[in-house]
Every structure is written in C-alpha cells, then in structure tokens.
Amino acid sequence: MARIQKDLSQEQLAEAVGVTRQTIGLIEAGNYNPTIRLCIAICKELGTTLNDIFWEE
C-alpha cells in the first residue's frame, strides 16, 4: 500500500489532503467513493498515479 510505503499514518495523509482519518480508512476499505479531486490530492501526496492507487483489475 502506497501510504504505508511512504511511512504515513491515515491521520497524516488525511491532514495532508484535507479530510478526516475516517475518510481515508473508508477509502482504503473500499467503502467510500472519493471525488476525483480527492483522488488526485492523495496521489500527489503519495507520489503515485491514479492507476496505481485506484484502478482495479
């Protein structure tokens, strides 16, 4: 998982992108459909792409 590889907690990532820790937890669990704007912010913070984080094969 990219967040863990960057050594970020859910709280740290949430603060960096302007959401709650609960939101990050829900996204990671697949129980929340984030906006494209939030997806892009998460990818920028993690230094990765939308495909790497959000594309399911």
C-alpha atoms as a PDB file:
ATOM      1  CA  MET A   1       0.000   0.000   0.000  1.00  0.00           C
ATOM      2  CA  ALA A   2       1.448   3.355  -1.064  1.00  0.00           C
ATOM      3  CA  ARG A   3       0.557   5.138   2.190  1.00  0.00           C
ATOM      4  CA  ILE A   4       2.480   2.606   4.259  1.00  0.00           C
ATOM      5  CA  GLN A   5       5.433   2.653   1.845  1.00  0.00           C
ATOM      6  CA  LYS A   6       5.619   6.425   2.415  1.00  0.00           C
ATOM      7  CA  ASP A   7       5.500   5.757   6.187  1.00  0.00           C
ATOM      8  CA  LEU A   8       2.366   7.850   6.631  1.00  0.00           C
ATOM      9  CA  SER A   9      -0.432   7.155   9.073  1.00  0.00           C
ATOM     10  CA  GLN A  10      -4.044   7.534   7.990  1.00  0.00           C
ATOM     11  CA  GLU A  11      -4.145  10.672  10.147  1.00  0.00           C
ATOM     12  CA  GLN A  12      -1.088  12.190   8.443  1.00  0.00           C
ATOM     13  CA  LEU A  13      -2.415  11.509   4.948  1.00  0.00           C
ATOM     14  CA  ALA A  14      -5.848  12.818   5.889  1.00  0.00           C
ATOM     15  CA  GLU A  15      -4.391  16.046   7.237  1.00  0.00           C
ATOM     16  CA  ALA A  16      -2.250  16.492   4.123  1.00  0.00           C
ATOM     17  CA  VAL A  17      -5.237  16.190   1.767  1.00  0.00           C
ATOM     18  CA  GLY A  18      -7.833  17.940   3.931  1.00  0.00           C
ATOM     19  CA  VAL A  19     -10.130  15.102   5.011  1.00  0.00           C
ATOM     20  CA  THR A  20     -10.703  13.103   8.189  1.00  0.00           C
ATOM     21  CA  ARG A  21      -8.809   9.972   9.158  1.00  0.00           C
ATOM     22  CA  GLN A  22     -12.106   8.118   8.939  1.00  0.00           C
ATOM     23  CA  THR A  23     -12.431   9.113   5.275  1.00  0.00           C
ATOM     24  CA  ILE A  24      -9.005   7.654   4.478  1.00  0.00           C
ATOM     25  CA  GLY A  25      -9.948   4.486   6.339  1.00  0.00           C
ATOM     26  CA  LEU A  26     -13.171   4.139   4.390  1.00  0.00           C
ATOM     27  CA  ILE A  27     -11.373   4.699   1.075  1.00  0.00           C
ATOM     28  CA  GLU A  28      -8.776   2.051   1.936  1.00  0.00           C
ATOM     29  CA  ALA A  29     -11.517  -0.394   2.949  1.00  0.00           C
ATOM     30  CA  GLY A  30     -13.351   0.213  -0.344  1.00  0.00           C
ATOM     31  CA  ASN A  31     -16.389   1.672   1.425  1.00  0.00           C
ATOM     32  CA  TYR A  32     -16.156   5.245   0.146  1.00  0.00           C
ATOM     33  CA  ASN A  33     -16.056   6.589  -3.391  1.00  0.00           C
ATOM     34  CA  PRO A  34     -13.843   9.697  -3.276  1.00  0.00           C
ATOM     35  CA  THR A  35     -14.143  12.597  -5.686  1.00  0.00           C
ATOM     36  CA  ILE A  36     -11.614  12.818  -8.487  1.00  0.00           C
ATOM     37  CA  ARG A  37     -10.202  15.914  -6.798  1.00  0.00           C
ATOM     38  CA  LEU A  38      -9.539  13.932  -3.619  1.00  0.00           C
ATOM     39  CA  CYS A  39      -8.086  11.044  -5.627  1.00  0.00           C
ATOM     40  CA  ILE A  40      -5.648  13.409  -7.318  1.00  0.00           C
ATOM     41  CA  ALA A  41      -4.682  15.013  -3.995  1.00  0.00           C
ATOM     42  CA  ILE A  42      -3.979  11.588  -2.481  1.00  0.00           C
ATOM     43  CA  CYS A  43      -1.886  10.567  -5.485  1.00  0.00           C
ATOM     44  CA  LYS A  44       0.125  13.788  -5.389  1.00  0.00           C
ATOM     45  CA  GLU A  45       0.791  13.342  -1.685  1.00  0.00           C
ATOM     46  CA  LEU A  46       1.860   9.729  -2.186  1.00  0.00           C
ATOM     47  CA  GLY A  47       3.873  10.445  -5.355  1.00  0.00           C
ATOM     48  CA  THR A  48       1.956   7.922  -7.422  1.00  0.00           C
ATOM     49  CA  THR A  49      -0.655   7.762 -10.170  1.00  0.00           C
ATOM     50  CA  LEU A  50      -4.416   7.296 -10.209  1.00  0.00           C
ATOM     51  CA  ASN A  51      -3.940   3.940 -11.929  1.00  0.00           C
ATOM     52  CA  ASP A  52      -1.545   2.719  -9.251  1.00  0.00           C
ATOM     53  CA  ILE A  53      -3.897   3.579  -6.389  1.00  0.00           C
ATOM     54  CA  PHE A  54      -7.463   3.404  -7.688  1.00  0.00           C
ATOM     55  CA  TRP A  55      -7.558   1.109 -10.728  1.00  0.00           C
ATOM     56  CA  GLU A  56      -8.919  -2.349 -10.017  1.00  0.00           C
ATOM     57  CA  GLU A  57      -8.066  -5.137 -12.422  1.00  0.00           C
END
